[in-house]
Amino acid sequence: MTNSNSRTRKSIKNIFWGIFYQALLIILNFVLRSIFIKKLSAEYLGVNGLFSNILSVLSLAELGIGNAIIYTMYKPLKENNEKEISSILNFYKKIYAIIGTIIFLVGILLIPFLKQIVKLENEMPNLRVYYILYLLNTVSSYFLVAKTSIFTADQKDYVLKKINISFNIVKFILQAILLIAFNSYLLYLLAQIVITIMNNMINLLITYKKYPFLRKQKEKIKLNTKKIILNNVKSLFLYQFGGVILNNTDNILISMICGTVNVGLYSNYSIIISSVENVISNIFTATLASIGNYNVDNSEKERYKLFNILDMISYWLYGCISIILGVAINDFIEVWIGKDYILGNSVVIISVVNFYLRGILYPILCFRNTTTLFKKTKYIMLYASVINIVLSIFLGLKIGLTGILIATALSRILTNIWYEPKILFKEYFKENVFKYYLKKLFQIIGLSFVYIIIFVCCKNIVILHNNFVTLIFKCIISLIMSNIYFILIFYRKKEFKIVISKFMQLVKNKIAIKSSV
């Protein structure tokens, strides 16, 4: 089997299990959230969303260290250099232990300020206990997950996804039973901690079974490799830190400016959007290791061709889903938990805009994180986060919740939306970025035009006086009409023809395999 076929096969497995995992999470989380809303008050819903955001800001799990380590493992994995792989992961384990300790200490220092962050009409009993449990759940992973990252670098994420699915089902059942039987937020959080620790421990044991040399070898990292990792970590850390601040401070600001109950109302929308985003983003993140290997083996021209294919896929997927969300999300909220939890159209539109802006950057992210270009963009998200906080306070005080969400969109547009493509095209593809900007502008105009048409067509539709049937009908109409638009603009493009050709080849291979059995 060729390297290309091997990469494709592993990528497809990662995509399939990643999407299946996220789709299952969506179903379990929505059922559990429905039980949560019925059994506990809106204040608990708001606190739950707020604590998640506070700890996302504190957490360094996604601040580039993992990506830097994985990037460094591509070469030794290809050469089957067990000693170097082991030394890198031993170093990673030490870093994560230090980070986990720091997060715990900083998290404890925030406890006296909880009353200034959580704005409730009535004081919630055991608020500090709930916060500490959330903190322990976050910190516990740092002492167990470092070595499991080898599955990502080796393009075998799907192995652990299967295990995670089982534990998430167990967690869902246990938390649902505890909420229904005891109406207890405390027991709900304790169950979460226990299952998280057990899941991480099993993943670690499977890692040692699959890669037994990791248990045996205690290699120290080479000084040169250590310097490379630390330099990469520094660049990715700064970028991802800005990203975490940008993406996870909205709920904190909403709580402080608009009240914690509004965090609960908005979190219903954000959980829908983030759940959908997690499913789609798996298509891109599951291919990161494959892209990293592809970039090593191919020319600039071939890399640029791959980028254009990913760019087309991201526009199609995120554009289509943005239209469906914009048209039907309020209908979904009404069917799911009732009219009392619906927010205005302005919140819906700007939330969908933020979703779309994040989505169209995924092809850029794929190339940035699998090359050394993250060193060129390390400060841009810090700038975006500072602009976001300033604009959020100003617009939040002026126009409330909508203003805070508008600030997030503006901060992206003013920074990484234009800057990151510029660096990628100039430094890596040696192409003129102006064509990319122009393409994105026309794509946004076209998508907005199609959205308005579909929204107007669906606005007053009521089927059989049944909200659920109406929701399904609107989703189907949005899906069909948006895909007609995408087919019309892409069917002549070479990227579209390549994707269709690859898909048909995979189908033929599957049929051939089944026929030979």
Protein backbone atom coordinates (compact mmCIF):
# COMPACT_ATOMS: atom_id res chain seq x y z
CA MET A 1 0.00 0.00 0.00
CA THR A 2 1.31 3.45 -0.92
CA ASN A 3 1.85 6.22 1.60
CA SER A 4 -0.94 8.17 -0.10
CA ASN A 5 -3.44 5.30 0.25
CA SER A 6 -2.34 4.68 3.85
CA ARG A 7 -2.85 8.37 4.72
CA THR A 8 -6.27 8.38 3.04
CA ARG A 9 -7.35 5.21 4.82
CA LYS A 10 -6.29 6.45 8.26
CA SER A 11 -7.86 9.86 7.64
CA ILE A 12 -11.18 8.27 6.67
CA LYS A 13 -11.15 6.13 9.83
CA ASN A 14 -10.37 9.17 11.97
CA ILE A 15 -13.10 11.21 10.25
CA PHE A 16 -15.70 8.42 10.57
CA TRP A 17 -15.06 7.74 14.26
CA GLY A 18 -14.61 11.43 15.02
CA ILE A 19 -17.98 12.31 13.46
CA PHE A 20 -19.69 9.31 15.05
CA TYR A 21 -18.24 10.26 18.45
CA GLN A 22 -19.33 13.89 18.17
CA ALA A 23 -22.78 12.97 16.83
CA LEU A 24 -23.31 10.63 19.77
CA LEU A 25 -22.13 13.36 22.17
CA ILE A 26 -24.64 15.76 20.65
CA ILE A 27 -27.53 13.34 21.20
CA LEU A 28 -26.45 12.45 24.76
CA ASN A 29 -25.77 16.07 25.72
CA PHE A 30 -29.12 17.30 24.42
CA VAL A 31 -31.04 14.60 26.25
CA LEU A 32 -29.01 15.23 29.43
CA ARG A 33 -29.41 19.01 29.10
CA SER A 34 -33.18 18.57 28.73
CA ILE A 35 -33.24 16.58 31.99
CA PHE A 36 -30.93 19.19 33.59
CA ILE A 37 -33.28 22.07 32.65
CA LYS A 38 -36.36 20.23 33.94
CA LYS A 39 -34.77 19.11 37.21
CA LEU A 40 -32.66 22.18 38.08
CA SER A 41 -33.28 25.92 37.76
CA ALA A 42 -32.07 28.39 35.10
CA GLU A 43 -29.51 29.63 37.65
CA TYR A 44 -27.80 26.23 37.70
CA LEU A 45 -27.81 26.21 33.89
CA GLY A 46 -26.10 29.60 33.90
CA VAL A 47 -23.53 28.57 36.51
CA ASN A 48 -22.80 25.37 34.59
CA GLY A 49 -22.05 27.34 31.40
CA LEU A 50 -20.08 29.99 33.26
CA PHE A 51 -17.81 27.54 35.10
CA SER A 52 -17.13 25.73 31.83
CA ASN A 53 -15.90 28.99 30.32
CA ILE A 54 -13.84 30.05 33.34
CA LEU A 55 -11.98 26.74 33.30
CA SER A 56 -11.56 26.86 29.53
CA VAL A 57 -9.76 30.17 30.03
CA LEU A 58 -7.62 28.69 32.82
CA SER A 59 -6.99 25.45 30.98
CA LEU A 60 -3.88 25.14 28.86
CA ALA A 61 -4.88 21.81 27.27
CA GLU A 62 -5.36 23.46 23.89
CA LEU A 63 -2.67 26.11 24.15
CA GLY A 64 -0.43 24.63 21.51
CA ILE A 65 1.67 22.30 23.62
CA GLY A 66 -0.08 19.21 22.27
CA ASN A 67 0.22 20.43 18.68
CA ALA A 68 3.92 21.23 19.15
CA ILE A 69 4.61 17.76 20.55
CA ILE A 70 2.62 16.03 17.80
CA TYR A 71 4.43 18.07 15.13
CA THR A 72 7.77 16.92 16.57
CA MET A 73 6.71 13.24 16.50
CA TYR A 74 5.95 13.01 12.76
CA LYS A 75 9.57 12.32 11.78
CA PRO A 76 10.51 9.78 14.53
CA LEU A 77 7.24 7.90 13.94
CA LYS A 78 8.00 7.68 10.23
CA GLU A 79 11.50 6.35 11.07
CA ASN A 80 10.14 4.09 13.84
CA ASN A 81 12.57 5.69 16.31
CA GLU A 82 11.14 4.40 19.60
CA LYS A 83 13.76 6.02 21.81
CA GLU A 84 13.10 9.51 20.46
CA ILE A 85 9.31 9.06 20.61
CA SER A 86 9.58 7.90 24.22
CA SER A 87 11.85 10.81 25.18
CA ILE A 88 9.45 13.34 23.62
CA LEU A 89 6.42 11.91 25.43
CA ASN A 90 8.28 11.70 28.76
CA PHE A 91 9.07 15.38 28.38
CA TYR A 92 5.43 16.06 27.47
CA LYS A 93 4.28 14.24 30.62
CA LYS A 94 6.47 16.47 32.81
CA ILE A 95 5.18 19.63 31.13
CA TYR A 96 1.56 18.57 31.61
CA ALA A 97 2.12 17.74 35.29
CA ILE A 98 3.51 21.26 35.84
CA ILE A 99 0.60 22.80 33.90
CA GLY A 100 -2.00 20.82 35.85
CA THR A 101 -0.49 22.02 39.14
CA ILE A 102 -0.43 25.65 37.98
CA ILE A 103 -4.07 25.53 36.79
CA PHE A 104 -5.16 24.09 40.14
CA LEU A 105 -3.34 26.78 42.13
CA VAL A 106 -4.61 29.65 39.93
CA GLY A 107 -8.10 28.16 40.03
CA ILE A 108 -8.02 28.11 43.85
CA LEU A 109 -6.89 31.76 43.89
CA LEU A 110 -10.04 32.72 41.93
CA ILE A 111 -12.42 31.39 44.58
CA PRO A 112 -12.65 34.70 46.57
CA PHE A 113 -13.75 36.48 43.35
CA LEU A 114 -16.59 34.11 42.42
CA LYS A 115 -19.27 36.45 43.78
CA GLN A 116 -18.05 39.24 41.48
CA ILE A 117 -18.20 36.92 38.44
CA VAL A 118 -21.45 35.05 39.21
CA LYS A 119 -24.38 37.49 39.15
CA LEU A 120 -27.54 35.84 40.58
CA GLU A 121 -30.65 37.34 42.19
CA ASN A 122 -30.53 34.73 44.96
CA GLU A 123 -27.35 33.32 46.46
CA MET A 124 -26.64 29.73 45.40
CA PRO A 125 -25.64 27.33 48.22
CA ASN A 126 -22.43 25.30 47.75
CA LEU A 127 -21.29 27.53 44.85
CA ARG A 128 -17.62 27.19 45.84
CA VAL A 129 -17.93 23.41 46.16
CA TYR A 130 -19.36 23.19 42.63
CA TYR A 131 -16.54 25.32 41.30
CA ILE A 132 -13.84 23.20 43.02
CA LEU A 133 -15.37 20.02 41.55
CA TYR A 134 -15.29 21.58 38.08
CA LEU A 135 -11.67 22.54 38.70
CA LEU A 136 -10.69 19.01 39.82
CA ASN A 137 -12.37 17.51 36.75
CA THR A 138 -10.27 19.74 34.50
CA VAL A 139 -6.98 19.29 36.33
CA SER A 140 -7.17 15.48 36.67
CA SER A 141 -6.71 14.94 32.93
CA TYR A 142 -3.31 16.65 32.84
CA PHE A 143 -1.72 13.84 34.82
CA LEU A 144 -2.99 11.05 32.54
CA VAL A 145 -3.41 12.16 28.92
CA ALA A 146 0.09 13.18 27.77
CA LYS A 147 1.25 9.85 26.34
CA THR A 148 -2.09 9.13 24.62
CA SER A 149 -1.24 11.89 22.12
CA ILE A 150 0.86 9.34 20.22
CA PHE A 151 -2.38 8.04 18.68
CA THR A 152 -2.98 11.47 17.11
CA ALA A 153 0.55 11.75 15.71
CA ASP A 154 0.29 8.17 14.39
CA GLN A 155 -3.07 8.95 12.69
CA LYS A 156 -4.91 6.46 14.94
CA ASP A 157 -7.23 8.71 16.93
CA TYR A 158 -10.08 6.34 16.07
CA VAL A 159 -8.69 3.74 18.53
CA LEU A 160 -9.36 5.94 21.58
CA LYS A 161 -12.57 7.39 20.12
CA LYS A 162 -14.15 3.93 20.45
CA ILE A 163 -13.22 3.81 24.16
CA ASN A 164 -14.40 7.37 24.76
CA ILE A 165 -17.80 6.53 23.24
CA SER A 166 -18.35 3.76 25.80
CA PHE A 167 -17.41 5.96 28.76
CA ASN A 168 -19.60 8.84 27.55
CA ILE A 169 -22.59 6.51 27.36
CA VAL A 170 -21.91 5.34 30.93
CA LYS A 171 -21.50 8.95 32.09
CA PHE A 172 -24.76 9.99 30.43
CA ILE A 173 -26.74 7.16 32.02
CA LEU A 174 -25.24 7.77 35.47
CA GLN A 175 -25.74 11.56 35.42
CA ALA A 176 -29.29 11.21 34.07
CA ILE A 177 -30.22 8.76 36.86
CA LEU A 178 -28.72 11.03 39.54
CA LEU A 179 -30.58 14.10 38.24
CA ILE A 180 -33.92 12.28 37.97
CA ALA A 181 -33.62 10.46 41.31
CA PHE A 182 -31.99 13.13 43.48
CA ASN A 183 -32.23 16.52 41.65
CA SER A 184 -28.61 16.97 42.75
CA TYR A 185 -26.09 19.13 40.92
CA LEU A 186 -23.43 17.93 43.40
CA LEU A 187 -23.89 14.25 42.48
CA TYR A 188 -24.02 15.24 38.80
CA LEU A 189 -20.54 16.79 39.07
CA LEU A 190 -19.10 13.94 41.16
CA ALA A 191 -20.20 11.42 38.52
CA GLN A 192 -18.49 13.53 35.86
CA ILE A 193 -15.17 13.48 37.75
CA VAL A 194 -15.22 9.72 38.41
CA ILE A 195 -15.97 8.81 34.77
CA THR A 196 -13.38 11.30 33.43
CA ILE A 197 -10.61 9.78 35.58
CA MET A 198 -11.60 6.20 34.70
CA ASN A 199 -11.74 7.06 30.97
CA ASN A 200 -8.28 8.64 31.03
CA MET A 201 -6.79 5.71 32.96
CA ILE A 202 -8.15 3.14 30.48
CA ASN A 203 -6.86 5.23 27.56
CA LEU A 204 -3.41 5.27 29.14
CA LEU A 205 -3.43 1.47 29.63
CA ILE A 206 -4.43 0.99 25.97
CA THR A 207 -1.60 3.31 24.94
CA TYR A 208 0.91 1.17 26.85
CA LYS A 209 -0.55 -2.00 25.30
CA LYS A 210 -0.35 -0.60 21.75
CA TYR A 211 3.06 1.04 22.27
CA PRO A 212 4.74 -1.08 25.01
CA PHE A 213 8.08 0.70 24.61
CA LEU A 214 6.51 3.80 26.24
CA ARG A 215 6.20 1.95 29.54
CA LYS A 216 9.71 0.51 29.43
CA GLN A 217 11.84 3.33 28.11
CA LYS A 218 12.65 6.32 30.30
CA GLU A 219 14.69 8.17 27.73
CA LYS A 220 15.67 11.77 28.40
CA ILE A 221 14.97 14.21 25.63
CA LYS A 222 17.85 15.48 23.48
CA LEU A 223 18.78 19.11 24.09
CA ASN A 224 18.27 20.02 20.43
CA THR A 225 14.81 18.39 20.30
CA LYS A 226 13.88 20.08 23.57
CA LYS A 227 14.81 23.49 22.13
CA ILE A 228 12.74 22.85 18.99
CA ILE A 229 9.72 21.81 21.07
CA LEU A 230 10.00 24.78 23.44
CA ASN A 231 10.29 27.21 20.53
CA ASN A 232 7.25 25.67 18.86
CA VAL A 233 5.37 25.62 22.16
CA LYS A 234 6.09 29.30 22.72
CA SER A 235 4.68 30.25 19.32
CA LEU A 236 1.63 27.98 19.54
CA PHE A 237 1.06 28.90 23.19
CA LEU A 238 0.78 32.60 22.41
CA TYR A 239 -1.57 31.95 19.49
CA GLN A 240 -3.81 29.47 21.29
CA PHE A 241 -3.85 31.51 24.49
CA GLY A 242 -5.29 34.42 22.51
CA GLY A 243 -7.77 32.01 20.92
CA VAL A 244 -8.92 30.68 24.28
CA ILE A 245 -9.43 34.22 25.60
CA LEU A 246 -11.31 35.17 22.42
CA ASN A 247 -13.56 32.10 22.37
CA ASN A 248 -14.22 31.61 26.07
CA THR A 249 -14.65 35.05 27.65
CA ASP A 250 -18.09 35.78 26.14
CA ASN A 251 -19.98 33.92 28.88
CA ILE A 252 -17.92 35.60 31.61
CA LEU A 253 -18.63 39.04 30.12
CA ILE A 254 -22.32 38.19 29.57
CA SER A 255 -22.57 37.14 33.23
CA MET A 256 -20.91 40.33 34.51
CA ILE A 257 -22.74 42.74 32.16
CA CYS A 258 -26.08 41.04 31.42
CA GLY A 259 -26.50 38.60 34.33
CA THR A 260 -25.75 34.89 34.82
CA VAL A 261 -29.27 33.78 33.78
CA ASN A 262 -28.54 35.19 30.30
CA VAL A 263 -25.48 32.92 30.19
CA GLY A 264 -27.86 29.98 30.60
CA LEU A 265 -30.17 31.20 27.83
CA TYR A 266 -27.33 31.89 25.41
CA SER A 267 -25.55 28.65 26.31
CA ASN A 268 -28.49 26.72 24.78
CA TYR A 269 -27.62 28.34 21.45
CA SER A 270 -23.88 27.99 21.89
CA ILE A 271 -24.15 24.29 22.77
CA ILE A 272 -26.13 23.65 19.56
CA ILE A 273 -23.65 25.60 17.44
CA SER A 274 -20.53 24.19 19.12
CA SER A 275 -21.91 20.64 18.88
CA VAL A 276 -22.44 21.04 15.13
CA GLU A 277 -19.00 22.66 14.81
CA ASN A 278 -17.35 19.78 16.67
CA VAL A 279 -18.83 17.31 14.19
CA ILE A 280 -17.75 19.25 11.10
CA SER A 281 -14.32 20.21 12.45
CA ASN A 282 -13.51 16.50 12.80
CA ILE A 283 -13.28 16.34 9.02
CA PHE A 284 -10.36 18.76 9.21
CA THR A 285 -8.71 17.89 12.54
CA ALA A 286 -8.80 14.16 11.72
CA THR A 287 -6.64 14.85 8.66
CA LEU A 288 -4.00 16.99 10.43
CA ALA A 289 -1.42 14.21 10.72
CA SER A 290 -2.05 13.20 7.10
CA ILE A 291 -1.58 16.79 5.95
CA GLY A 292 1.62 17.02 8.00
CA ASN A 293 3.01 13.97 6.21
CA TYR A 294 1.69 15.17 2.83
CA ASN A 295 3.46 18.51 3.23
CA VAL A 296 6.76 16.72 3.83
CA ASP A 297 6.43 14.61 0.66
CA ASN A 298 4.98 17.06 -1.90
CA SER A 299 5.76 20.27 -3.79
CA GLU A 300 4.33 23.76 -3.24
CA LYS A 301 2.01 23.30 -6.21
CA GLU A 302 0.56 20.05 -4.81
CA ARG A 303 0.16 21.60 -1.34
CA TYR A 304 -1.71 24.56 -2.83
CA LYS A 305 -3.99 22.17 -4.72
CA LEU A 306 -4.78 20.35 -1.46
CA PHE A 307 -5.47 23.67 0.29
CA ASN A 308 -7.98 24.69 -2.40
CA ILE A 309 -9.80 21.38 -2.01
CA LEU A 310 -10.05 21.87 1.78
CA ASP A 311 -11.14 25.49 1.24
CA MET A 312 -13.98 24.41 -1.04
CA ILE A 313 -15.09 21.75 1.46
CA SER A 314 -15.05 24.24 4.35
CA TYR A 315 -17.11 26.82 2.43
CA TRP A 316 -19.64 24.19 1.38
CA LEU A 317 -20.02 22.58 4.80
CA TYR A 318 -19.94 25.70 6.97
CA GLY A 319 -22.01 27.70 4.48
CA CYS A 320 -24.72 25.04 4.27
CA ILE A 321 -24.88 24.51 8.05
CA SER A 322 -24.86 28.30 8.68
CA ILE A 323 -27.98 28.66 6.54
CA ILE A 324 -29.76 25.80 8.29
CA LEU A 325 -28.86 27.18 11.74
CA GLY A 326 -29.94 30.70 10.80
CA VAL A 327 -33.30 29.48 9.51
CA ALA A 328 -34.18 26.79 12.05
CA ILE A 329 -32.32 27.22 15.37
CA ASN A 330 -35.13 29.14 17.09
CA ASP A 331 -37.64 26.50 15.95
CA PHE A 332 -35.31 23.86 17.43
CA ILE A 333 -35.09 25.70 20.77
CA GLU A 334 -38.91 25.97 20.89
CA VAL A 335 -39.41 22.26 20.17
CA TRP A 336 -36.61 21.27 22.54
CA ILE A 337 -37.23 23.34 25.69
CA GLY A 338 -39.99 25.86 24.89
CA LYS A 339 -40.60 29.48 23.84
CA ASP A 340 -39.35 30.89 27.15
CA TYR A 341 -35.76 30.03 26.13
CA ILE A 342 -35.85 31.73 22.69
CA LEU A 343 -33.60 34.76 22.06
CA GLY A 344 -34.02 37.40 19.33
CA ASN A 345 -33.02 37.05 15.66
CA SER A 346 -30.09 39.43 16.15
CA VAL A 347 -28.48 36.95 18.58
CA VAL A 348 -29.13 34.10 16.13
CA ILE A 349 -27.60 35.92 13.14
CA ILE A 350 -24.44 37.10 14.87
CA SER A 351 -23.95 33.67 16.53
CA VAL A 352 -24.14 32.03 13.11
CA VAL A 353 -21.73 34.64 11.68
CA ASN A 354 -19.19 33.75 14.41
CA PHE A 355 -19.67 30.06 13.62
CA TYR A 356 -19.05 30.71 9.91
CA LEU A 357 -15.96 32.88 10.52
CA ARG A 358 -14.38 30.15 12.66
CA GLY A 359 -15.26 27.51 10.08
CA ILE A 360 -13.74 29.09 7.00
CA LEU A 361 -10.39 29.31 8.80
CA TYR A 362 -10.04 25.54 9.25
CA PRO A 363 -8.07 25.00 6.00
CA ILE A 364 -5.68 27.75 7.16
CA LEU A 365 -5.44 26.05 10.58
CA CYS A 366 -4.64 22.67 8.98
CA PHE A 367 -1.60 24.10 7.18
CA ARG A 368 -0.52 26.42 9.99
CA ASN A 369 -0.46 23.66 12.62
CA THR A 370 1.33 21.13 10.40
CA THR A 371 4.11 23.51 9.32
CA THR A 372 6.26 26.04 11.16
CA LEU A 373 4.00 28.94 10.08
CA PHE A 374 2.51 29.16 13.55
CA LYS A 375 5.72 31.04 14.46
CA LYS A 376 4.69 33.84 12.08
CA THR A 377 1.17 34.20 13.51
CA LYS A 378 1.86 33.76 17.23
CA TYR A 379 0.70 37.24 18.31
CA ILE A 380 -2.38 37.70 16.12
CA MET A 381 -4.89 35.99 18.43
CA LEU A 382 -3.58 37.98 21.40
CA TYR A 383 -4.42 41.14 19.46
CA ALA A 384 -7.84 39.68 18.61
CA SER A 385 -8.57 38.84 22.26
CA VAL A 386 -7.63 42.35 23.48
CA ILE A 387 -9.82 43.95 20.79
CA ASN A 388 -12.64 41.55 21.71
CA ILE A 389 -12.58 42.40 25.42
CA VAL A 390 -12.51 46.17 24.79
CA LEU A 391 -15.28 46.03 22.17
CA SER A 392 -17.34 43.57 24.26
CA ILE A 393 -17.37 45.88 27.27
CA PHE A 394 -18.23 48.92 25.11
CA LEU A 395 -20.89 47.24 22.93
CA GLY A 396 -22.17 45.07 25.79
CA LEU A 397 -22.97 48.13 27.89
CA LYS A 398 -24.56 49.82 24.85
CA ILE A 399 -26.67 47.00 23.33
CA GLY A 400 -26.32 44.06 25.70
CA LEU A 401 -25.85 40.42 24.68
CA THR A 402 -25.90 41.11 20.92
CA GLY A 403 -23.14 43.70 21.34
CA ILE A 404 -20.83 41.20 23.08
CA LEU A 405 -21.31 38.72 20.22
CA ILE A 406 -20.78 41.42 17.56
CA ALA A 407 -17.48 42.30 19.28
CA THR A 408 -16.26 38.71 18.82
CA ALA A 409 -17.00 38.82 15.09
CA LEU A 410 -15.36 42.23 14.63
CA SER A 411 -12.22 41.17 16.49
CA ARG A 412 -11.79 38.19 14.13
CA ILE A 413 -12.39 40.28 11.01
CA LEU A 414 -9.87 42.89 12.13
CA THR A 415 -7.14 40.32 12.83
CA ASN A 416 -6.74 36.66 11.86
CA ILE A 417 -9.39 36.51 9.11
CA TRP A 418 -7.14 38.58 6.81
CA TYR A 419 -3.69 38.20 8.39
CA GLU A 420 -3.30 34.42 8.56
CA PRO A 421 -4.13 33.81 4.87
CA LYS A 422 -1.67 36.57 3.95
CA ILE A 423 1.18 34.80 5.80
CA LEU A 424 0.27 31.36 4.48
CA PHE A 425 0.09 32.49 0.84
CA LYS A 426 3.24 34.61 1.02
CA GLU A 427 5.50 32.25 2.99
CA TYR A 428 4.25 28.82 1.99
CA PHE A 429 2.35 28.82 -1.30
CA LYS A 430 4.20 31.76 -2.91
CA GLU A 431 0.83 32.87 -4.32
CA ASN A 432 -1.03 36.18 -4.46
CA VAL A 433 -3.41 36.33 -1.50
CA PHE A 434 -5.60 39.00 -3.15
CA LYS A 435 -7.37 36.29 -5.19
CA TYR A 436 -8.20 34.49 -1.94
CA TYR A 437 -9.61 37.67 -0.36
CA LEU A 438 -11.73 38.37 -3.45
CA LYS A 439 -13.00 34.79 -3.51
CA LYS A 440 -14.00 34.99 0.16
CA LEU A 441 -15.81 38.30 -0.39
CA PHE A 442 -17.88 36.91 -3.26
CA GLN A 443 -18.58 33.74 -1.27
CA ILE A 444 -19.93 35.74 1.68
CA ILE A 445 -22.10 37.90 -0.62
CA GLY A 446 -23.45 34.81 -2.40
CA LEU A 447 -24.13 32.98 0.87
CA SER A 448 -25.91 36.01 2.40
CA PHE A 449 -28.12 36.33 -0.70
CA VAL A 450 -29.07 32.62 -0.57
CA TYR A 451 -29.73 32.82 3.20
CA ILE A 452 -32.13 35.75 2.78
CA ILE A 453 -34.07 33.91 0.05
CA ILE A 454 -34.34 30.70 2.12
CA PHE A 455 -35.21 32.61 5.32
CA VAL A 456 -38.03 34.50 3.59
CA CYS A 457 -39.33 31.27 2.01
CA CYS A 458 -39.37 29.46 5.37
CA LYS A 459 -40.36 32.34 7.67
CA ASN A 460 -44.13 31.79 7.79
CA ILE A 461 -44.20 28.06 7.05
CA VAL A 462 -46.32 26.00 9.46
CA ILE A 463 -46.88 22.31 8.67
CA LEU A 464 -49.90 20.54 10.21
CA HIS A 465 -49.76 23.01 13.14
CA ASN A 466 -46.93 20.85 14.48
CA ASN A 467 -43.70 22.54 15.56
CA PHE A 468 -41.56 19.43 15.13
CA VAL A 469 -42.81 18.70 11.60
CA THR A 470 -42.33 22.39 10.72
CA LEU A 471 -38.74 22.27 12.03
CA ILE A 472 -37.92 19.18 9.93
CA PHE A 473 -39.49 20.74 6.83
CA LYS A 474 -37.49 23.97 7.24
CA CYS A 475 -34.26 22.00 7.66
CA ILE A 476 -34.97 19.95 4.52
CA ILE A 477 -35.83 23.04 2.45
CA SER A 478 -32.69 24.84 3.71
CA LEU A 479 -30.52 21.78 2.98
CA ILE A 480 -31.84 21.28 -0.56
CA MET A 481 -31.80 24.95 -1.61
CA SER A 482 -28.35 25.67 -0.16
CA ASN A 483 -26.84 22.58 -1.79
CA ILE A 484 -28.32 23.56 -5.16
CA TYR A 485 -26.43 26.85 -4.78
CA PHE A 486 -23.13 25.10 -3.93
CA ILE A 487 -23.45 22.60 -6.78
CA LEU A 488 -24.13 25.40 -9.25
CA ILE A 489 -21.01 27.36 -8.25
CA PHE A 490 -18.63 24.40 -7.88
CA TYR A 491 -19.59 21.68 -10.37
CA ARG A 492 -17.17 23.01 -13.01
CA LYS A 493 -14.29 23.56 -10.58
CA LYS A 494 -11.36 21.15 -10.66
CA GLU A 495 -11.44 20.83 -6.84
CA PHE A 496 -15.01 19.52 -7.03
CA LYS A 497 -14.07 17.03 -9.76
CA ILE A 498 -11.10 15.78 -7.68
CA VAL A 499 -13.29 15.22 -4.60
CA ILE A 500 -15.95 13.38 -6.63
CA SER A 501 -13.26 11.28 -8.32
CA LYS A 502 -11.68 10.33 -4.95
CA PHE A 503 -15.10 9.47 -3.53
CA MET A 504 -16.01 7.27 -6.52
CA GLN A 505 -12.65 5.51 -6.27
CA LEU A 506 -13.23 4.73 -2.58
CA VAL A 507 -16.70 3.35 -3.39
CA LYS A 508 -15.25 1.15 -6.15
CA ASN A 509 -12.54 -0.13 -3.79
CA LYS A 510 -15.13 -1.00 -1.15
CA ILE A 511 -17.26 -2.85 -3.73
CA ALA A 512 -14.18 -4.70 -5.02
CA ILE A 513 -13.20 -5.77 -1.48
CA LYS A 514 -16.72 -7.05 -0.74
CA SER A 515 -16.86 -8.91 -4.07
CA SER A 516 -13.58 -10.69 -3.35
CA VAL A 517 -14.72 -11.92 0.07
